Protein backbone atom coordinates (compact mmCIF):
# COMPACT_ATOMS: atom_id res chain seq x y z
CA MET A 1 33.13 -35.43 3.84
CA PRO A 2 32.59 -32.81 3.89
CA ARG A 3 30.81 -30.96 7.01
CA GLY A 4 28.72 -28.33 6.65
CA ARG A 5 26.22 -27.32 4.11
CA SER A 6 26.94 -27.48 0.60
CA SER A 7 27.12 -24.57 -1.71
CA SER A 8 23.73 -26.28 -3.20
CA ASP A 9 21.87 -25.33 -0.07
CA ALA A 10 22.74 -21.63 0.34
CA THR A 11 21.42 -21.78 -3.35
CA THR A 12 18.16 -23.23 -3.07
CA LEU A 13 17.55 -20.68 -0.19
CA ALA A 14 18.85 -17.82 -1.79
CA MET A 15 15.72 -18.75 -4.69
CA ALA A 16 13.98 -19.56 -2.32
CA LEU A 17 14.67 -15.58 -0.59
CA VAL A 18 14.17 -14.30 -4.04
CA GLY A 19 10.93 -16.21 -4.23
CA TYR A 20 9.54 -14.98 -1.41
CA GLU A 21 10.72 -12.06 -1.91
CA ILE A 22 8.73 -11.35 -5.28
CA GLU A 23 5.86 -13.04 -3.41
CA LYS A 24 5.82 -10.18 -0.81
CA GLN A 25 6.45 -7.80 -3.94
CA LYS A 26 2.66 -8.81 -4.83
CA ILE A 27 1.43 -8.92 -1.97
CA ASP A 28 2.14 -5.46 -0.66
CA GLU A 29 0.72 -4.05 -4.22
CA LYS A 30 -2.78 -6.14 -3.45
CA ILE A 31 -2.47 -4.30 -0.14
CA ARG A 32 -2.24 -0.95 -1.92
CA GLN A 33 -4.42 -1.26 -4.22
CA ILE A 34 -7.36 -2.56 -1.47
CA ARG A 35 -6.14 0.70 0.72
CA ALA A 36 -7.09 3.16 -2.26
CA GLN A 37 -10.03 1.53 -2.60
CA LEU A 38 -11.20 2.31 1.03
CA GLY A 39 -9.89 5.53 0.73
CA VAL A 40 -6.83 4.81 3.42
CA ARG A 41 -4.12 6.59 4.14
CA LYS A 42 -0.79 4.73 4.66
CA GLY A 43 -0.43 5.98 8.29
CA GLY A 44 -4.37 6.09 8.63
CA SER A 45 -6.48 3.40 11.04
CA SER A 46 -7.39 0.58 9.49
CA ALA A 47 -11.15 1.32 10.16
CA ALA A 48 -13.68 2.41 7.26
CA PRO A 49 -13.02 6.16 6.53
CA ALA A 50 -15.28 9.13 8.33
CA ALA A 51 -18.82 9.59 7.17
CA LYS A 52 -19.28 11.83 3.88
CA GLY A 53 -19.51 15.28 5.95
CA GLY A 54 -15.38 14.68 6.61
CA GLY A 55 -15.00 16.33 9.56
CA PRO A 56 -15.15 15.82 13.27
CA ARG A 57 -18.31 14.96 14.80
CA LYS A 58 -20.74 17.10 16.37
CA LYS A 59 -19.89 16.52 20.51
CA ARG A 60 -23.95 15.27 21.51
CA THR A 61 -25.28 16.64 25.09
CA LEU A 62 -27.93 14.87 26.99
CA SER A 63 -31.45 16.54 28.12
CA ALA A 64 -31.25 17.43 31.25
CA SER A 65 -34.01 14.77 32.11
CA ALA A 66 -31.63 12.61 30.48
CA ARG A 67 -28.98 13.95 33.14
CA ARG A 68 -31.66 13.68 36.07
CA ARG A 69 -32.41 10.50 34.87
CA ILE A 70 -28.42 9.02 34.80
CA ALA A 71 -27.69 11.17 37.95
CA ALA A 72 -30.52 9.33 40.10
CA ALA A 73 -29.42 6.24 38.83
CA GLN A 74 -25.82 6.67 40.13
CA ARG A 75 -26.95 7.85 43.19
CA LYS A 76 -29.21 4.48 43.80
CA ARG A 77 -25.89 2.58 42.67
CA TRP A 78 -23.53 4.32 45.29
CA ALA A 79 -26.70 3.48 47.98
CA GLU A 80 -27.11 0.08 47.54
CA HIS A 81 -23.05 0.26 47.28
CA ARG A 82 -22.85 1.95 51.01
CA LYS A 83 -25.76 -0.04 52.30
CA LYS A 84 -23.64 -3.85 51.34
CA LEU A 85 -20.51 -2.19 52.90
CA ALA A 86 -22.65 -1.19 56.23
CA GLY A 87 -23.72 -4.52 55.88
CA LYS A 88 -20.55 -6.01 56.49
CA GLY A 89 -18.84 -4.26 58.43
CA ALA A 90 -21.05 -4.61 61.29
């Protein structure tokens, strides 16, 4: 009795490979269609396309009062942090 793989195993595997390649082509085509509908380019990100304005967003600026509030909150956090450090070291 011969050992190893029989020729029928190789034929079955070859036929399975052909079938899977056909399925892969169908899936790739569906992916292309969906990307075309979304307007996503091949090398682009998978995120939704930018707003209808197109170009990059304008940089948002904070008002002076908002910057003061943020700075005050940060100073408060640092003061609490320093107080904790001083309490541990003493």
